[in-house]
Amino acid sequence: MSLRRGAALLALLAVAGAAAYVFLASPAWFERIRYPLRYAEYVRVHARENDLDPALLAAVIYQESKFDVNARSSSGAIGLMQLTPETAHGIAIRTGGSRFTTTDLLNPEINIRYGAWYLGHLEQKYRSERLALAAYNAGQGNVDRWLSARTGIQFPETRAYVERIEHLKGVYRKAWRSSLYG
């Protein structure tokens, strides 16, 4: 093997080793690139107002919309926290708002405020973060039926959603500690 080929092979191995380290060790700087945080002040404020962990709120936003304020789902959910207009209208009424319009859901502060209120309400109702997340994903009616039947979360996609949020909460807590708790 020539010296040039040996050097190229060594360089390639070094790059591959560094990439493997970053991927496996997941240092905070790398996680901040993979999992962005936008609207940190709104996340902090509305998490605190609703007795939520800011990392949980950030994780839900990431999972629901990847922090895309214009995100829309096929089911009609809108914005960062993917709220349906009907749910948001009900939240507006319960929180003293009287002039809610669907376009309000494109406002990051309003969307996070309503989503945080709703998630906090679900945590109070179910007294369980996992069940609150399941209700956020699958609806309160489904969770109520599962509780009545004592069956646990019945939808595989909802179980995966809850597990993903729990994982992301840990990622956001580690990678964005100073922004979320500072």
Protein backbone atom coordinates (compact mmCIF):
# COMPACT_ATOMS: atom_id res chain seq x y z
CA MET A 1 0.00 0.00 0.00
CA SER A 2 1.35 3.39 -0.91
CA LEU A 3 1.88 6.12 1.65
CA ARG A 4 -0.82 8.24 0.02
CA ARG A 5 -3.38 5.43 0.18
CA GLY A 6 -2.47 4.68 3.77
CA ALA A 7 -2.94 8.34 4.74
CA ALA A 8 -6.29 8.46 2.93
CA LEU A 9 -7.43 5.29 4.67
CA LEU A 10 -6.32 6.65 8.04
CA ALA A 11 -8.18 9.92 7.40
CA LEU A 12 -11.30 8.01 6.38
CA LEU A 13 -11.13 5.88 9.53
CA ALA A 14 -10.68 9.00 11.68
CA VAL A 15 -13.73 10.67 10.12
CA ALA A 16 -15.79 7.49 10.48
CA GLY A 17 -14.70 7.18 14.12
CA ALA A 18 -15.60 10.78 14.86
CA ALA A 19 -18.99 10.37 13.19
CA ALA A 20 -19.65 7.19 15.15
CA TYR A 21 -18.73 8.94 18.40
CA VAL A 22 -21.07 11.88 17.69
CA PHE A 23 -23.90 9.58 16.70
CA LEU A 24 -23.52 7.20 19.66
CA ALA A 25 -22.57 9.69 22.38
CA SER A 26 -25.10 12.33 21.28
CA PRO A 27 -23.31 15.31 22.82
CA ALA A 28 -25.54 18.27 23.69
CA TRP A 29 -24.22 20.41 20.82
CA PHE A 30 -25.16 17.68 18.34
CA GLU A 31 -28.61 17.22 19.87
CA ARG A 32 -29.21 20.98 19.57
CA ILE A 33 -28.58 20.65 15.83
CA ARG A 34 -30.82 17.57 15.48
CA TYR A 35 -33.58 18.88 17.75
CA PRO A 36 -33.97 22.65 17.42
CA LEU A 37 -35.73 24.83 19.97
CA ARG A 38 -37.65 27.88 18.85
CA TYR A 39 -39.90 30.16 20.91
CA ALA A 40 -38.06 29.15 24.10
CA GLU A 41 -39.46 32.09 26.06
CA TYR A 42 -43.05 31.12 25.22
CA VAL A 43 -42.29 27.49 26.07
CA ARG A 44 -40.79 28.47 29.45
CA VAL A 45 -43.57 30.91 30.38
CA HIS A 46 -46.51 28.73 29.38
CA ALA A 47 -44.97 25.58 30.84
CA ARG A 48 -44.58 27.38 34.18
CA GLU A 49 -48.14 28.78 34.04
CA ASN A 50 -49.54 25.28 33.49
CA ASP A 51 -47.27 23.32 35.84
CA LEU A 52 -45.55 21.51 32.97
CA ASP A 53 -41.94 20.55 32.45
CA PRO A 54 -40.63 22.92 29.73
CA ALA A 55 -38.74 20.00 28.17
CA LEU A 56 -42.03 18.10 27.87
CA LEU A 57 -43.69 21.04 26.16
CA ALA A 58 -40.75 21.44 23.75
CA ALA A 59 -40.84 17.69 23.04
CA VAL A 60 -44.55 17.81 22.17
CA ILE A 61 -44.00 20.79 19.87
CA TYR A 62 -41.11 19.05 18.14
CA GLN A 63 -43.08 15.84 17.68
CA GLU A 64 -46.22 17.60 16.51
CA SER A 65 -44.74 20.17 14.12
CA LYS A 66 -40.92 20.21 14.25
CA PHE A 67 -41.41 23.85 15.37
CA ASP A 68 -43.08 24.73 12.05
CA VAL A 69 -45.60 27.47 12.88
CA ASN A 70 -47.47 26.78 9.61
CA ALA A 71 -47.79 23.00 10.10
CA ARG A 72 -51.17 21.52 9.19
CA SER A 73 -52.40 17.96 9.45
CA SER A 74 -54.87 16.02 7.36
CA SER A 75 -57.20 16.01 10.39
CA GLY A 76 -57.31 19.82 10.41
CA ALA A 77 -54.87 20.45 13.27
CA ILE A 78 -52.89 23.66 12.93
CA GLY A 79 -49.66 25.19 14.14
CA LEU A 80 -46.86 24.32 16.50
CA MET A 81 -48.90 22.15 18.86
CA GLN A 82 -51.28 20.86 16.19
CA LEU A 83 -54.52 22.00 17.77
CA THR A 84 -57.81 21.65 15.94
CA PRO A 85 -59.84 24.84 15.66
CA GLU A 86 -62.61 23.21 17.72
CA THR A 87 -60.25 22.34 20.58
CA ALA A 88 -58.64 25.78 20.46
CA HIS A 89 -62.03 27.51 20.48
CA GLY A 90 -62.98 25.54 23.61
CA ILE A 91 -59.67 26.48 25.25
CA ALA A 92 -60.22 30.14 24.36
CA ILE A 93 -63.63 30.11 26.03
CA ARG A 94 -62.31 28.33 29.15
CA THR A 95 -59.40 30.76 29.47
CA GLY A 96 -61.41 33.95 29.01
CA GLY A 97 -60.85 34.56 25.31
CA SER A 98 -63.85 35.72 23.33
CA ARG A 99 -62.43 36.69 19.95
CA PHE A 100 -60.73 33.47 18.85
CA THR A 101 -60.27 32.93 15.12
CA THR A 102 -58.66 29.94 13.44
CA THR A 103 -55.80 32.11 12.15
CA ASP A 104 -54.83 32.71 15.80
CA LEU A 105 -53.39 29.18 15.72
CA LEU A 106 -50.65 30.45 13.38
CA ASN A 107 -49.46 32.81 16.10
CA PRO A 108 -46.68 30.95 18.00
CA GLU A 109 -47.48 32.53 21.37
CA ILE A 110 -51.20 31.75 21.18
CA ASN A 111 -50.65 28.23 19.87
CA ILE A 112 -48.15 27.41 22.63
CA ARG A 113 -50.36 29.07 25.28
CA TYR A 114 -53.41 27.04 24.23
CA GLY A 115 -51.46 23.82 23.76
CA ALA A 116 -49.78 24.19 27.16
CA TRP A 117 -53.13 24.88 28.80
CA TYR A 118 -54.64 21.80 27.14
CA LEU A 119 -51.72 19.54 28.07
CA GLY A 120 -51.80 20.87 31.64
CA HIS A 121 -55.55 20.25 31.78
CA LEU A 122 -54.99 16.66 30.61
CA GLU A 123 -52.29 16.10 33.24
CA GLN A 124 -54.67 17.36 35.94
CA LYS A 125 -57.49 15.18 34.69
CA TYR A 126 -55.49 11.96 34.34
CA ARG A 127 -52.83 12.60 37.01
CA SER A 128 -50.36 10.90 34.69
CA GLU A 129 -48.03 12.38 32.11
CA ARG A 130 -48.26 9.23 29.96
CA LEU A 131 -52.07 9.25 29.96
CA ALA A 132 -52.13 13.00 29.29
CA LEU A 133 -49.88 12.43 26.27
CA ALA A 134 -52.06 9.55 25.12
CA ALA A 135 -55.13 11.80 25.36
CA TYR A 136 -53.32 14.60 23.51
CA ASN A 137 -52.63 12.13 20.70
CA ALA A 138 -55.67 9.84 20.64
CA GLY A 139 -58.32 11.93 22.36
CA GLN A 140 -59.82 11.93 25.83
CA GLY A 141 -62.68 9.64 24.82
CA ASN A 142 -60.28 6.85 23.90
CA VAL A 143 -58.24 7.23 27.09
CA ASP A 144 -61.44 7.27 29.17
CA ARG A 145 -62.55 4.01 27.50
CA TRP A 146 -59.15 2.40 28.09
CA LEU A 147 -59.25 3.41 31.75
CA SER A 148 -62.79 2.06 32.17
CA ALA A 149 -61.79 -1.23 30.55
CA ARG A 150 -58.45 -1.26 32.40
CA THR A 151 -56.67 -2.14 29.19
CA GLY A 152 -53.90 0.43 28.91
CA ILE A 153 -53.15 2.33 25.72
CA GLN A 154 -54.70 0.30 22.91
CA PHE A 155 -53.39 2.08 19.81
CA PRO A 156 -49.84 1.07 18.84
CA GLU A 157 -49.29 4.49 17.25
CA THR A 158 -50.31 6.20 20.51
CA ARG A 159 -47.98 3.99 22.56
CA ALA A 160 -45.18 4.91 20.12
CA TYR A 161 -46.13 8.60 20.39
CA VAL A 162 -45.94 8.53 24.19
CA GLU A 163 -42.57 6.73 24.12
CA ARG A 164 -41.22 9.19 21.54
CA ILE A 165 -42.29 12.20 23.60
CA GLU A 166 -40.72 10.71 26.73
CA HIS A 167 -37.46 10.21 24.81
CA LEU A 168 -37.58 13.72 23.33
CA LYS A 169 -38.26 15.21 26.77
CA GLY A 170 -34.95 13.78 27.93
CA VAL A 171 -33.18 15.07 24.84
CA TYR A 172 -34.59 18.59 25.28
CA ARG A 173 -33.83 18.59 29.01
CA LYS A 174 -30.19 17.70 28.34
CA ALA A 175 -29.55 19.72 25.17
CA TRP A 176 -31.48 22.89 26.01
CA ARG A 177 -31.29 23.05 29.83
CA SER A 178 -30.15 26.68 30.04
CA SER A 179 -32.77 27.87 27.53
CA LEU A 180 -35.66 25.94 29.08
CA TYR A 181 -34.92 26.28 32.77
CA GLY A 182 -32.79 29.43 32.89
